[in-house]
Amino acid sequence: MSVADPALAERISAYLKATQGRETRVVGLERIYGGASRETWRVTLEEGGASRGFILRRDPPSSLIDTERTTEFAAYRAFHKTVVPVPEALALEQDETWLERPFFLMEEVVNAGPASVLQSEPYGEHAGAIGAQFFGILGEIAGADPRALGLDWTAPAADACWSAELDKWEKVIDEDEREPQPIARAAIRWLRRNPPPPAQKISVVHGDYRTGNFLFAGDRIAAILDWEMAHLGDPLEDLGWALDPLWSHDNPARPAGMCARADAIAHWEKASGLKADPAALRWWDMFASLKGLAIWISAAAEVHDGTNTDTVNAFSGWYCLAYHNQVIATRLQEDAA
């Protein structure tokens, strides 16, 4: 095992000793790259002659999208030991003196890993089985009762879910565009002119439910990760995002690289007990790509301004931005035909 940052390792050991009375030693510390809203580290501790792994999620010096760590921690806590597989959230620390920035710890899910959205066949022969679970689990999230889960987050009115989210992401574009974004502006106009029906239910919305944000082993999904954008809203928001063609860019006929769109929707409806109204989902499909544009515009701004030059941001501000511009342009053209 290697320790990528010895100073950070010492501080983690000191934190665990002071707050939990644990005589431990960090014998492995590895940065897990890929996310832009939190730093993720794999931590291996030696304690009493045995080793144990944890995942550390720490606020970065500069974040692509502002998110609240307490929300992410609460989501993990709420869904742990439900039918939605998530790792156990162990400790949340707001005091910046320990590791320079706030962080939380959660259990490590072993013998499972994520798929890359850049793989053409990320699940191989297990695509159908993974797809049934992926969209079924999303349905379980949609069908869950936020209050029963202990989540007291502020909820929009059923007829205001769409406008609250559109306002939020339009503001991101307003603040972060470094050059004109005519396709994004055209999408915003279309979305405001064609509002969806009110949400059939106020649900927990994961916010970033997609390929790359869950762990799997063979034909089994082991954990749903990256809840940093979770909130309450229209459950079709998550479905539209999960179905977005970017997550299966080489074969849009199989959303998320798993199964046919009709099958994906059927799995979601069965698990959630809700209906994916085609007109409503059409709006949330367009919104998903606009939300994507906002995120990629922010990524490009981080690189442009030199505040976060991670290669993930550079790629997002180049490839993903161009991809979603094309998706939206095509959808707008089809709507006008």
C-alpha atoms as a PDB file:
ATOM      1  CA  MET A   1       0.000   0.000   0.000  1.00  0.00           C
ATOM      2  CA  SER A   2       1.085   3.568  -0.613  1.00  0.00           C
ATOM      3  CA  VAL A   3       0.283   6.838   1.104  1.00  0.00           C
ATOM      4  CA  ALA A   4      -0.211   9.532  -1.520  1.00  0.00           C
ATOM      5  CA  ASP A   5      -0.249  12.399   0.990  1.00  0.00           C
ATOM      6  CA  PRO A   6       1.610  11.604   4.262  1.00  0.00           C
ATOM      7  CA  ALA A   7       0.626  14.902   5.892  1.00  0.00           C
ATOM      8  CA  LEU A   8      -3.057  14.284   5.215  1.00  0.00           C
ATOM      9  CA  ALA A   9      -2.688  10.712   6.486  1.00  0.00           C
ATOM     10  CA  GLU A  10      -1.293  11.971   9.793  1.00  0.00           C
ATOM     11  CA  ARG A  11      -4.160  14.417  10.181  1.00  0.00           C
ATOM     12  CA  ILE A  12      -6.728  11.698   9.525  1.00  0.00           C
ATOM     13  CA  SER A  13      -5.142   9.523  12.209  1.00  0.00           C
ATOM     14  CA  ALA A  14      -5.128  12.451  14.651  1.00  0.00           C
ATOM     15  CA  TYR A  15      -8.795  13.172  13.930  1.00  0.00           C
ATOM     16  CA  LEU A  16      -9.884   9.592  14.578  1.00  0.00           C
ATOM     17  CA  LYS A  17      -7.886   9.422  17.799  1.00  0.00           C
ATOM     18  CA  ALA A  18      -9.235  12.729  19.122  1.00  0.00           C
ATOM     19  CA  THR A  19     -12.879  12.284  18.141  1.00  0.00           C
ATOM     20  CA  GLN A  20     -13.376   8.534  18.401  1.00  0.00           C
ATOM     21  CA  GLY A  21     -10.579   7.460  20.724  1.00  0.00           C
ATOM     22  CA  ARG A  22      -9.199   5.100  18.113  1.00  0.00           C
ATOM     23  CA  GLU A  23      -5.518   4.235  18.003  1.00  0.00           C
ATOM     24  CA  THR A  24      -5.158   3.841  14.270  1.00  0.00           C
ATOM     25  CA  ARG A  25      -2.539   4.337  11.630  1.00  0.00           C
ATOM     26  CA  VAL A  26      -3.232   5.236   8.015  1.00  0.00           C
ATOM     27  CA  VAL A  27      -1.316   2.686   5.955  1.00  0.00           C
ATOM     28  CA  GLY A  28      -2.936   3.448   2.621  1.00  0.00           C
ATOM     29  CA  LEU A  29      -4.204   6.709   1.128  1.00  0.00           C
ATOM     30  CA  GLU A  30      -5.202   6.958  -2.520  1.00  0.00           C
ATOM     31  CA  ARG A  31      -6.961   9.787  -4.351  1.00  0.00           C
ATOM     32  CA  ILE A  32      -9.943   8.665  -6.427  1.00  0.00           C
ATOM     33  CA  TYR A  33     -10.319  11.024  -9.357  1.00  0.00           C
ATOM     34  CA  GLY A  34     -13.401  11.760 -11.436  1.00  0.00           C
ATOM     35  CA  GLY A  35     -15.714  13.952  -9.379  1.00  0.00           C
ATOM     36  CA  ALA A  36     -15.682  17.727  -9.351  1.00  0.00           C
ATOM     37  CA  SER A  37     -17.766  18.598  -6.281  1.00  0.00           C
ATOM     38  CA  ARG A  38     -15.766  16.694  -3.623  1.00  0.00           C
ATOM     39  CA  GLU A  39     -12.293  15.264  -3.245  1.00  0.00           C
ATOM     40  CA  THR A  40     -12.572  11.522  -2.773  1.00  0.00           C
ATOM     41  CA  TRP A  41      -9.884   9.478  -1.025  1.00  0.00           C
ATOM     42  CA  ARG A  42      -9.623   5.764  -0.271  1.00  0.00           C
ATOM     43  CA  VAL A  43      -8.251   5.401   3.262  1.00  0.00           C
ATOM     44  CA  THR A  44      -6.875   2.146   4.681  1.00  0.00           C
ATOM     45  CA  LEU A  45      -6.448   2.045   8.444  1.00  0.00           C
ATOM     46  CA  GLU A  46      -4.473  -0.378  10.570  1.00  0.00           C
ATOM     47  CA  GLU A  47      -6.088  -0.903  13.947  1.00  0.00           C
ATOM     48  CA  GLY A  48      -5.323  -3.657  16.437  1.00  0.00           C
ATOM     49  CA  GLY A  49      -3.460  -5.695  13.839  1.00  0.00           C
ATOM     50  CA  ALA A  50      -6.349  -5.596  11.375  1.00  0.00           C
ATOM     51  CA  SER A  51      -6.961  -3.303   8.425  1.00  0.00           C
ATOM     52  CA  ARG A  52     -10.174  -1.560   7.419  1.00  0.00           C
ATOM     53  CA  GLY A  53     -11.067   0.687   4.525  1.00  0.00           C
ATOM     54  CA  PHE A  54     -12.975   3.960   4.481  1.00  0.00           C
ATOM     55  CA  ILE A  55     -13.856   6.566   1.901  1.00  0.00           C
ATOM     56  CA  LEU A  56     -13.142  10.203   2.709  1.00  0.00           C
ATOM     57  CA  ARG A  57     -15.149  12.897   0.920  1.00  0.00           C
ATOM     58  CA  ARG A  58     -13.588  16.328   1.446  1.00  0.00           C
ATOM     59  CA  ASP A  59     -14.657  19.721   0.126  1.00  0.00           C
ATOM     60  CA  PRO A  60     -12.269  20.878  -2.618  1.00  0.00           C
ATOM     61  CA  PRO A  61     -10.580  24.292  -2.683  1.00  0.00           C
ATOM     62  CA  SER A  62     -12.803  25.200  -5.644  1.00  0.00           C
ATOM     63  CA  SER A  63     -16.004  23.373  -6.564  1.00  0.00           C
ATOM     64  CA  LEU A  64     -17.591  23.076  -9.997  1.00  0.00           C
ATOM     65  CA  ILE A  65     -21.149  23.234  -8.620  1.00  0.00           C
ATOM     66  CA  ASP A  66     -21.897  24.513  -5.125  1.00  0.00           C
ATOM     67  CA  THR A  67     -23.385  21.696  -3.069  1.00  0.00           C
ATOM     68  CA  GLU A  68     -24.034  21.140   0.631  1.00  0.00           C
ATOM     69  CA  ARG A  69     -22.136  18.303   2.284  1.00  0.00           C
ATOM     70  CA  THR A  70     -24.768  17.969   5.006  1.00  0.00           C
ATOM     71  CA  THR A  71     -27.348  17.191   2.316  1.00  0.00           C
ATOM     72  CA  GLU A  72     -25.185  14.455   0.809  1.00  0.00           C
ATOM     73  CA  PHE A  73     -24.464  12.978   4.236  1.00  0.00           C
ATOM     74  CA  ALA A  74     -28.183  13.029   5.124  1.00  0.00           C
ATOM     75  CA  ALA A  75     -29.092  11.237   1.888  1.00  0.00           C
ATOM     76  CA  TYR A  76     -26.645   8.416   2.614  1.00  0.00           C
ATOM     77  CA  ARG A  77     -27.982   8.119   6.150  1.00  0.00           C
ATOM     78  CA  ALA A  78     -31.611   8.138   4.971  1.00  0.00           C
ATOM     79  CA  PHE A  79     -31.272   5.381   2.379  1.00  0.00           C
ATOM     80  CA  HIS A  80     -28.840   3.140   4.257  1.00  0.00           C
ATOM     81  CA  LYS A  81     -30.483  -0.211   5.069  1.00  0.00           C
ATOM     82  CA  THR A  82     -33.327   0.416   2.610  1.00  0.00           C
ATOM     83  CA  VAL A  83     -33.802  -1.315  -0.747  1.00  0.00           C
ATOM     84  CA  VAL A  84     -31.624   1.451  -2.237  1.00  0.00           C
ATOM     85  CA  PRO A  85     -28.023   0.244  -1.812  1.00  0.00           C
ATOM     86  CA  VAL A  86     -25.747   2.922  -0.365  1.00  0.00           C
ATOM     87  CA  PRO A  87     -22.617   2.745   1.792  1.00  0.00           C
ATOM     88  CA  GLU A  88     -22.990   3.649   5.450  1.00  0.00           C
ATOM     89  CA  ALA A  89     -22.167   7.273   6.259  1.00  0.00           C
ATOM     90  CA  LEU A  90     -20.018   7.224   9.408  1.00  0.00           C
ATOM     91  CA  ALA A  91     -18.992  10.731  10.432  1.00  0.00           C
ATOM     92  CA  LEU A  92     -19.550  14.308   9.283  1.00  0.00           C
ATOM     93  CA  GLU A  93     -17.011  16.946  10.298  1.00  0.00           C
ATOM     94  CA  GLN A  94     -17.635  20.660   9.734  1.00  0.00           C
ATOM     95  CA  ASP A  95     -14.606  21.887  11.674  1.00  0.00           C
ATOM     96  CA  GLU A  96     -12.004  22.925   9.097  1.00  0.00           C
ATOM     97  CA  THR A  97      -9.096  22.693  11.507  1.00  0.00           C
ATOM     98  CA  TRP A  98      -8.824  18.920  11.174  1.00  0.00           C
ATOM     99  CA  LEU A  99      -8.303  18.463   7.427  1.00  0.00           C
ATOM    100  CA  GLU A 100      -8.288  22.102   6.247  1.00  0.00           C
ATOM    101  CA  ARG A 101     -11.787  21.733   4.789  1.00  0.00           C
ATOM    102  CA  PRO A 102     -15.034  20.045   5.903  1.00  0.00           C
ATOM    103  CA  PHE A 103     -15.376  16.334   5.113  1.00  0.00           C
ATOM    104  CA  PHE A 104     -17.241  13.152   5.895  1.00  0.00           C
ATOM    105  CA  LEU A 105     -16.316   9.494   6.149  1.00  0.00           C
ATOM    106  CA  MET A 106     -18.253   6.496   4.845  1.00  0.00           C
ATOM    107  CA  GLU A 107     -17.669   2.790   4.558  1.00  0.00           C
ATOM    108  CA  GLU A 108     -15.787   1.430   1.566  1.00  0.00           C
ATOM    109  CA  VAL A 109     -17.714  -0.885  -0.743  1.00  0.00           C
ATOM    110  CA  VAL A 110     -15.212  -3.580  -1.697  1.00  0.00           C
ATOM    111  CA  ASN A 111     -15.021  -5.822  -4.748  1.00  0.00           C
ATOM    112  CA  ALA A 112     -17.092  -3.461  -6.888  1.00  0.00           C
ATOM    113  CA  GLY A 113     -16.282  -0.567  -9.177  1.00  0.00           C
ATOM    114  CA  PRO A 114     -17.796   2.116 -11.432  1.00  0.00           C
ATOM    115  CA  ALA A 115     -18.233   2.033 -15.188  1.00  0.00           C
ATOM    116  CA  SER A 116     -16.944   4.779 -17.441  1.00  0.00           C
ATOM    117  CA  VAL A 117     -19.329   6.694 -19.675  1.00  0.00           C
ATOM    118  CA  LEU A 118     -16.624   6.490 -22.328  1.00  0.00           C
ATOM    119  CA  GLN A 119     -16.828   2.691 -22.583  1.00  0.00           C
ATOM    120  CA  SER A 120     -18.893   1.449 -25.508  1.00  0.00           C
ATOM    121  CA  GLU A 121     -20.148  -1.662 -23.670  1.00  0.00           C
ATOM    122  CA  PRO A 122     -19.494  -0.978 -19.985  1.00  0.00           C
ATOM    123  CA  TYR A 123     -21.650  -3.864 -18.688  1.00  0.00           C
ATOM    124  CA  GLY A 124     -21.087  -6.473 -21.387  1.00  0.00           C
ATOM    125  CA  GLU A 125     -23.434  -9.428 -21.155  1.00  0.00           C
ATOM    126  CA  HIS A 126     -24.908  -8.058 -17.926  1.00  0.00           C
ATOM    127  CA  ALA A 127     -26.315  -4.885 -19.513  1.00  0.00           C
ATOM    128  CA  GLY A 128     -29.929  -6.037 -19.294  1.00  0.00           C
ATOM    129  CA  ALA A 129     -29.675  -7.150 -15.668  1.00  0.00           C
ATOM    130  CA  ILE A 130     -27.845  -3.989 -14.638  1.00  0.00           C
ATOM    131  CA  GLY A 131     -30.410  -1.877 -16.505  1.00  0.00           C
ATOM    132  CA  ALA A 132     -33.331  -3.506 -14.705  1.00  0.00           C
ATOM    133  CA  GLN A 133     -31.665  -2.780 -11.353  1.00  0.00           C
ATOM    134  CA  PHE A 134     -30.471   0.699 -12.302  1.00  0.00           C
ATOM    135  CA  PHE A 135     -33.868   1.999 -13.370  1.00  0.00           C
ATOM    136  CA  GLY A 136     -35.644  -0.083 -10.724  1.00  0.00           C
ATOM    137  CA  ILE A 137     -33.551   1.455  -7.936  1.00  0.00           C
ATOM    138  CA  LEU A 138     -34.249   4.900  -9.358  1.00  0.00           C
ATOM    139  CA  GLY A 139     -37.938   4.027  -9.178  1.00  0.00           C
ATOM    140  CA  GLU A 140     -37.532   3.029  -5.531  1.00  0.00           C
ATOM    141  CA  ILE A 141     -35.968   6.431  -4.809  1.00  0.00           C
ATOM    142  CA  ALA A 142     -38.857   8.150  -6.596  1.00  0.00           C
ATOM    143  CA  GLY A 143     -41.466   6.122  -4.730  1.00  0.00           C
ATOM    144  CA  ALA A 144     -39.961   6.642  -1.271  1.00  0.00           C
ATOM    145  CA  ASP A 145     -41.566   8.988   1.255  1.00  0.00           C
ATOM    146  CA  PRO A 146     -39.058  11.740   2.168  1.00  0.00           C
ATOM    147  CA  ARG A 147     -40.662  12.276   5.573  1.00  0.00           C
ATOM    148  CA  ALA A 148     -40.527   8.594   6.432  1.00  0.00           C
ATOM    149  CA  LEU A 149     -36.827   8.719   5.554  1.00  0.00           C
ATOM    150  CA  GLY A 150     -36.353  11.574   8.012  1.00  0.00           C
ATOM    151  CA  LEU A 151     -35.525  14.140   5.335  1.00  0.00           C
ATOM    152  CA  ASP A 152     -36.943  17.540   6.256  1.00  0.00           C
ATOM    153  CA  TRP A 153     -35.574  19.370   3.235  1.00  0.00           C
ATOM    154  CA  THR A 154     -37.525  22.292   1.785  1.00  0.00           C
ATOM    155  CA  ALA A 155     -39.915  21.077  -0.898  1.00  0.00           C
ATOM    156  CA  PRO A 156     -41.253  23.124  -3.801  1.00  0.00           C
ATOM    157  CA  ALA A 157     -44.931  23.073  -4.696  1.00  0.00           C
ATOM    158  CA  ALA A 158     -45.872  20.381  -7.211  1.00  0.00           C
ATOM    159  CA  ASP A 159     -46.467  22.985  -9.921  1.00  0.00           C
ATOM    160  CA  ALA A 160     -43.215  24.824  -9.172  1.00  0.00           C
ATOM    161  CA  CYS A 161     -40.666  21.984  -9.350  1.00  0.00           C
ATOM    162  CA  TRP A 162     -39.817  22.717 -12.963  1.00  0.00           C
ATOM    163  CA  SER A 163     -39.429  26.478 -12.561  1.00  0.00           C
ATOM    164  CA  ALA A 164     -37.334  26.163  -9.389  1.00  0.00           C
ATOM    165  CA  GLU A 165     -34.839  23.905 -11.167  1.00  0.00           C
ATOM    166  CA  LEU A 166     -34.840  25.928 -14.369  1.00  0.00           C
ATOM    167  CA  ASP A 167     -34.227  29.150 -12.422  1.00  0.00           C
ATOM    168  CA  LYS A 168     -31.359  27.487 -10.557  1.00  0.00           C
ATOM    169  CA  TRP A 169     -29.519  26.278 -13.649  1.00  0.00           C
ATOM    170  CA  GLU A 170     -30.210  29.411 -15.684  1.00  0.00           C
ATOM    171  CA  LYS A 171     -28.518  31.352 -12.882  1.00  0.00           C
ATOM    172  CA  VAL A 172     -25.481  29.056 -13.162  1.00  0.00           C
ATOM    173  CA  ILE A 173     -25.263  29.816 -16.884  1.00  0.00           C
ATOM    174  CA  ASP A 174     -25.693  33.556 -16.242  1.00  0.00           C
ATOM    175  CA  GLU A 175     -22.808  33.536 -13.787  1.00  0.00           C
ATOM    176  CA  ASP A 176     -20.410  31.150 -15.521  1.00  0.00           C
ATOM    177  CA  GLU A 177     -20.667  31.666 -19.266  1.00  0.00           C
ATOM    178  CA  ARG A 178     -17.478  33.219 -20.611  1.00  0.00           C
ATOM    179  CA  GLU A 179     -18.854  33.514 -24.130  1.00  0.00           C
ATOM    180  CA  PRO A 180     -22.397  33.639 -25.566  1.00  0.00           C
ATOM    181  CA  GLN A 181     -24.349  30.380 -25.316  1.00  0.00           C
ATOM    182  CA  PRO A 182     -27.120  30.737 -27.922  1.00  0.00           C
ATOM    183  CA  ILE A 183     -28.263  27.103 -27.843  1.00  0.00           C
ATOM    184  CA  ALA A 184     -28.595  27.149 -24.059  1.00  0.00           C
ATOM    185  CA  ARG A 185     -30.609  30.367 -24.286  1.00  0.00           C
ATOM    186  CA  ALA A 186     -32.862  28.856 -26.955  1.00  0.00           C
ATOM    187  CA  ALA A 187     -33.454  25.820 -24.729  1.00  0.00           C
ATOM    188  CA  ILE A 188     -34.360  28.055 -21.782  1.00  0.00           C
ATOM    189  CA  ARG A 189     -36.901  29.923 -23.910  1.00  0.00           C
ATOM    190  CA  TRP A 190     -38.432  26.619 -25.078  1.00  0.00           C
ATOM    191  CA  LEU A 191     -38.609  25.256 -21.535  1.00  0.00           C
ATOM    192  CA  ARG A 192     -40.360  28.381 -20.246  1.00  0.00           C
ATOM    193  CA  ARG A 193     -42.845  28.394 -23.133  1.00  0.00           C
ATOM    194  CA  ASN A 194     -43.702  24.703 -22.692  1.00  0.00           C
ATOM    195  CA  PRO A 195     -43.963  24.001 -18.947  1.00  0.00           C
ATOM    196  CA  PRO A 196     -44.633  20.411 -17.867  1.00  0.00           C
ATOM    197  CA  PRO A 197     -47.658  19.331 -15.823  1.00  0.00           C
ATOM    198  CA  PRO A 198     -47.310  19.521 -12.030  1.00  0.00           C
ATOM    199  CA  ALA A 199     -45.263  16.800 -10.369  1.00  0.00           C
ATOM    200  CA  GLN A 200     -47.390  13.757  -9.593  1.00  0.00           C
ATOM    201  CA  LYS A 201     -45.413  13.394  -6.368  1.00  0.00           C
ATOM    202  CA  ILE A 202     -42.729  15.274  -4.468  1.00  0.00           C
ATOM    203  CA  SER A 203     -39.846  12.831  -4.245  1.00  0.00           C
ATOM    204  CA  VAL A 204     -36.214  12.644  -3.309  1.00  0.00           C
ATOM    205  CA  VAL A 205     -34.286  13.563  -6.446  1.00  0.00           C
ATOM    206  CA  HIS A 206     -30.761  12.148  -6.506  1.00  0.00           C
ATOM    207  CA  GLY A 207     -29.666  14.911  -8.873  1.00  0.00           C
ATOM    208  CA  ASP A 208     -26.881  13.059 -10.688  1.00  0.00           C
ATOM    209  CA  TYR A 209     -28.186   9.517 -11.204  1.00  0.00           C
ATOM    210  CA  ARG A 210     -26.170   8.147 -14.118  1.00  0.00           C
ATOM    211  CA  THR A 211     -23.518   5.756 -15.343  1.00  0.00           C
ATOM    212  CA  GLY A 212     -20.319   6.369 -13.391  1.00  0.00           C
ATOM    213  CA  ASN A 213     -22.103   7.215 -10.146  1.00  0.00           C
ATOM    214  CA  PHE A 214     -22.731   3.690  -8.923  1.00  0.00           C
ATOM    215  CA  LEU A 215     -20.632   0.614  -8.181  1.00  0.00           C
ATOM    216  CA  PHE A 216     -21.330  -2.810  -9.612  1.00  0.00           C
ATOM    217  CA  ALA A 217     -19.849  -6.284  -9.631  1.00  0.00           C
ATOM    218  CA  GLY A 218     -20.837  -8.630 -12.435  1.00  0.00           C
ATOM    219  CA  ASP A 219     -24.616  -8.454 -12.761  1.00  0.00           C
ATOM    220  CA  ARG A 220     -25.241  -6.746  -9.403  1.00  0.00           C
ATOM    221  CA  ILE A 221     -25.374  -3.070  -8.446  1.00  0.00           C
ATOM    222  CA  ALA A 222     -23.574  -2.718  -5.111  1.00  0.00           C
ATOM    223  CA  ALA A 223     -23.966   0.979  -4.250  1.00  0.00           C
ATOM    224  CA  ILE A 224     -25.486   4.235  -5.501  1.00  0.00           C
ATOM    225  CA  LEU A 225     -23.018   7.086  -4.942  1.00  0.00           C
ATOM    226  CA  ASP A 226     -22.631  10.866  -5.363  1.00  0.00           C
ATOM    227  CA  TRP A 227     -25.721  12.298  -3.681  1.00  0.00           C
ATOM    228  CA  GLU A 228     -24.286  15.814  -3.437  1.00  0.00           C
ATOM    229  CA  MET A 229     -27.025  17.343  -5.627  1.00  0.00           C
ATOM    230  CA  ALA A 230     -29.919  15.567  -3.872  1.00  0.00           C
ATOM    231  CA  HIS A 231     -33.075  17.599  -3.224  1.00  0.00           C
ATOM    232  CA  LEU A 232     -36.858  17.302  -3.243  1.00  0.00           C
ATOM    233  CA  GLY A 233     -38.705  17.745  -6.517  1.00  0.00           C
ATOM    234  CA  ASP A 234     -40.334  16.063  -9.489  1.00  0.00           C
ATOM    235  CA  PRO A 235     -39.104  12.445  -9.802  1.00  0.00           C
ATOM    236  CA  LEU A 236     -39.128  12.795 -13.583  1.00  0.00           C
ATOM    237  CA  GLU A 237     -36.108  15.080 -13.211  1.00  0.00           C
ATOM    238  CA  ASP A 238     -33.965  12.083 -12.250  1.00  0.00           C
ATOM    239  CA  LEU A 239     -35.464   9.886 -14.954  1.00  0.00           C
ATOM    240  CA  GLY A 240     -34.772  12.449 -17.664  1.00  0.00           C
ATOM    241  CA  TRP A 241     -31.161  12.790 -16.480  1.00  0.00           C
ATOM    242  CA  ALA A 242     -30.610   9.020 -16.342  1.00  0.00           C
ATOM    243  CA  LEU A 243     -32.015   8.677 -19.881  1.00  0.00           C
ATOM    244  CA  ASP A 244     -29.910  11.496 -21.339  1.00  0.00           C
ATOM    245  CA  PRO A 245     -28.039  10.402 -24.478  1.00  0.00           C
ATOM    246  CA  LEU A 246     -24.683  11.625 -23.165  1.00  0.00           C
ATOM    247  CA  TRP A 247     -24.513   8.612 -20.844  1.00  0.00           C
ATOM    248  CA  SER A 248     -24.723   6.302 -23.868  1.00  0.00           C
ATOM    249  CA  HIS A 249     -23.215   8.628 -26.435  1.00  0.00           C
ATOM    250  CA  ASP A 250     -22.109   5.809 -28.734  1.00  0.00           C
ATOM    251  CA  ASN A 251     -25.570   4.139 -28.776  1.00  0.00           C
ATOM    252  CA  PRO A 252     -28.412   6.471 -27.673  1.00  0.00           C
ATOM    253  CA  ALA A 253     -30.950   3.698 -28.343  1.00  0.00           C
ATOM    254  CA  ARG A 254     -29.756   2.049 -25.106  1.00  0.00           C
ATOM    255  CA  PRO A 255     -29.915   4.653 -22.318  1.00  0.00           C
ATOM    256  CA  ALA A 256     -26.961   4.509 -19.941  1.00  0.00           C
ATOM    257  CA  GLY A 257     -25.545   1.711 -22.123  1.00  0.00           C
ATOM    258  CA  MET A 258     -28.003  -0.750 -20.590  1.00  0.00           C
ATOM    259  CA  CYS A 259     -31.424  -1.380 -22.112  1.00  0.00           C
ATOM    260  CA  ALA A 260     -33.964   0.089 -24.515  1.00  0.00           C
ATOM    261  CA  ARG A 261     -35.621   3.344 -23.451  1.00  0.00           C
ATOM    262  CA  ALA A 262     -39.084   1.737 -23.239  1.00  0.00           C
ATOM    263  CA  ASP A 263     -37.729  -1.011 -20.987  1.00  0.00           C
ATOM    264  CA  ALA A 264     -35.923   1.515 -18.789  1.00  0.00           C
ATOM    265  CA  ILE A 265     -39.124   3.514 -18.305  1.00  0.00           C
ATOM    266  CA  ALA A 266     -41.108   0.328 -17.594  1.00  0.00           C
ATOM    267  CA  HIS A 267     -38.615  -0.712 -14.878  1.00  0.00           C
ATOM    268  CA  TRP A 268     -38.893   2.768 -13.312  1.00  0.00           C
ATOM    269  CA  GLU A 269     -42.694   2.789 -13.408  1.00  0.00           C
ATOM    270  CA  LYS A 270     -42.989  -0.672 -11.866  1.00  0.00           C
ATOM    271  CA  ALA A 271     -40.680   0.155  -8.954  1.00  0.00           C
ATOM    272  CA  SER A 272     -41.985   3.673  -8.295  1.00  0.00           C
ATOM    273  CA  GLY A 273     -45.705   3.091  -8.775  1.00  0.00           C
ATOM    274  CA  LEU A 274     -45.682   6.308 -10.836  1.00  0.00           C
ATOM    275  CA  LYS A 275     -46.253   7.041 -14.503  1.00  0.00           C
ATOM    276  CA  ALA A 276     -43.769   8.635 -16.889  1.00  0.00           C
ATOM    277  CA  ASP A 277     -46.190  10.852 -18.804  1.00  0.00           C
ATOM    278  CA  PRO A 278     -44.647  11.283 -22.299  1.00  0.00           C
ATOM    279  CA  ALA A 279     -45.377  15.021 -22.460  1.00  0.00           C
ATOM    280  CA  ALA A 280     -43.898  15.629 -19.023  1.00  0.00           C
ATOM    281  CA  LEU A 281     -40.879  13.446 -19.705  1.00  0.00           C
ATOM    282  CA  ARG A 282     -40.288  15.301 -22.975  1.00  0.00           C
ATOM    283  CA  TRP A 283     -39.855  18.497 -20.954  1.00  0.00           C
ATOM    284  CA  TRP A 284     -37.538  16.846 -18.440  1.00  0.00           C
ATOM    285  CA  ASP A 285     -35.519  15.308 -21.299  1.00  0.00           C
ATOM    286  CA  MET A 286     -34.854  18.787 -22.662  1.00  0.00           C
ATOM    287  CA  PHE A 287     -34.170  20.116 -19.190  1.00  0.00           C
ATOM    288  CA  ALA A 288     -31.624  17.343 -18.526  1.00  0.00           C
ATOM    289  CA  SER A 289     -29.526  18.401 -21.495  1.00  0.00           C
ATOM    290  CA  LEU A 290     -29.818  22.069 -20.485  1.00  0.00           C
ATOM    291  CA  LYS A 291     -28.721  21.184 -16.953  1.00  0.00           C
ATOM    292  CA  GLY A 292     -25.808  19.320 -18.501  1.00  0.00           C
ATOM    293  CA  LEU A 293     -24.886  22.413 -20.510  1.00  0.00           C
ATOM    294  CA  ALA A 294     -24.905  24.499 -17.330  1.00  0.00           C
ATOM    295  CA  ILE A 295     -22.515  22.069 -15.623  1.00  0.00           C
ATOM    296  CA  TRP A 296     -20.166  21.930 -18.616  1.00  0.00           C
ATOM    297  CA  ILE A 297     -20.249  25.730 -18.966  1.00  0.00           C
ATOM    298  CA  SER A 298     -19.179  25.910 -15.319  1.00  0.00           C
ATOM    299  CA  ALA A 299     -16.406  23.408 -15.997  1.00  0.00           C
ATOM    300  CA  ALA A 300     -15.156  25.505 -18.903  1.00  0.00           C
ATOM    301  CA  ALA A 301     -15.241  28.609 -16.706  1.00  0.00           C
ATOM    302  CA  GLU A 302     -13.135  26.912 -14.009  1.00  0.00           C
ATOM    303  CA  VAL A 303     -10.473  26.035 -16.576  1.00  0.00           C
ATOM    304  CA  HIS A 304     -10.669  29.446 -18.267  1.00  0.00           C
ATOM    305  CA  ASP A 305     -10.281  31.279 -14.947  1.00  0.00           C
ATOM    306  CA  GLY A 306      -7.562  28.933 -13.692  1.00  0.00           C
ATOM    307  CA  THR A 307      -9.464  28.116 -10.496  1.00  0.00           C
ATOM    308  CA  ASN A 308      -9.713  24.377 -11.185  1.00  0.00           C
ATOM    309  CA  THR A 309      -7.774  23.024 -14.160  1.00  0.00           C
ATOM    310  CA  ASP A 310      -8.500  19.347 -13.505  1.00  0.00           C
ATOM    311  CA  THR A 311      -8.534  17.425 -16.788  1.00  0.00           C
ATOM    312  CA  VAL A 312     -12.114  16.318 -16.028  1.00  0.00           C
ATOM    313  CA  ASN A 313     -13.189  19.952 -16.218  1.00  0.00           C
ATOM    314  CA  ALA A 314     -11.238  20.509 -19.419  1.00  0.00           C
ATOM    315  CA  PHE A 315     -12.853  17.471 -21.063  1.00  0.00           C
ATOM    316  CA  SER A 316     -16.320  18.463 -19.828  1.00  0.00           C
ATOM    317  CA  GLY A 317     -15.966  22.016 -21.091  1.00  0.00           C
ATOM    318  CA  TRP A 318     -14.913  20.706 -24.483  1.00  0.00           C
ATOM    319  CA  TYR A 319     -16.546  17.382 -25.390  1.00  0.00           C
ATOM    320  CA  CYS A 320     -19.609  17.294 -23.120  1.00  0.00           C
ATOM    321  CA  LEU A 321     -20.491  20.921 -23.842  1.00  0.00           C
ATOM    322  CA  ALA A 322     -20.358  20.336 -27.591  1.00  0.00           C
ATOM    323  CA  TYR A 323     -22.317  17.090 -27.261  1.00  0.00           C
ATOM    324  CA  HIS A 324     -25.212  18.634 -25.350  1.00  0.00           C
ATOM    325  CA  ASN A 325     -25.286  21.629 -27.661  1.00  0.00           C
ATOM    326  CA  GLN A 326     -25.871  19.189 -30.519  1.00  0.00           C
ATOM    327  CA  VAL A 327     -28.518  17.216 -28.594  1.00  0.00           C
ATOM    328  CA  ILE A 328     -30.481  20.355 -27.765  1.00  0.00           C
ATOM    329  CA  ALA A 329     -30.171  21.787 -31.270  1.00  0.00           C
ATOM    330  CA  THR A 330     -31.537  18.547 -32.708  1.00  0.00           C
ATOM    331  CA  ARG A 331     -34.430  18.478 -30.244  1.00  0.00           C
ATOM    332  CA  LEU A 332     -35.337  22.091 -30.982  1.00  0.00           C
ATOM    333  CA  GLN A 333     -35.224  21.401 -34.711  1.00  0.00           C
ATOM    334  CA  GLU A 334     -37.484  18.358 -34.310  1.00  0.00           C
ATOM    335  CA  ASP A 335     -39.933  20.401 -32.224  1.00  0.00           C
ATOM    336  CA  ALA A 336     -40.091  23.110 -34.888  1.00  0.00           C
ATOM    337  CA  ALA A 337     -40.655  20.647 -37.743  1.00  0.00           C
END
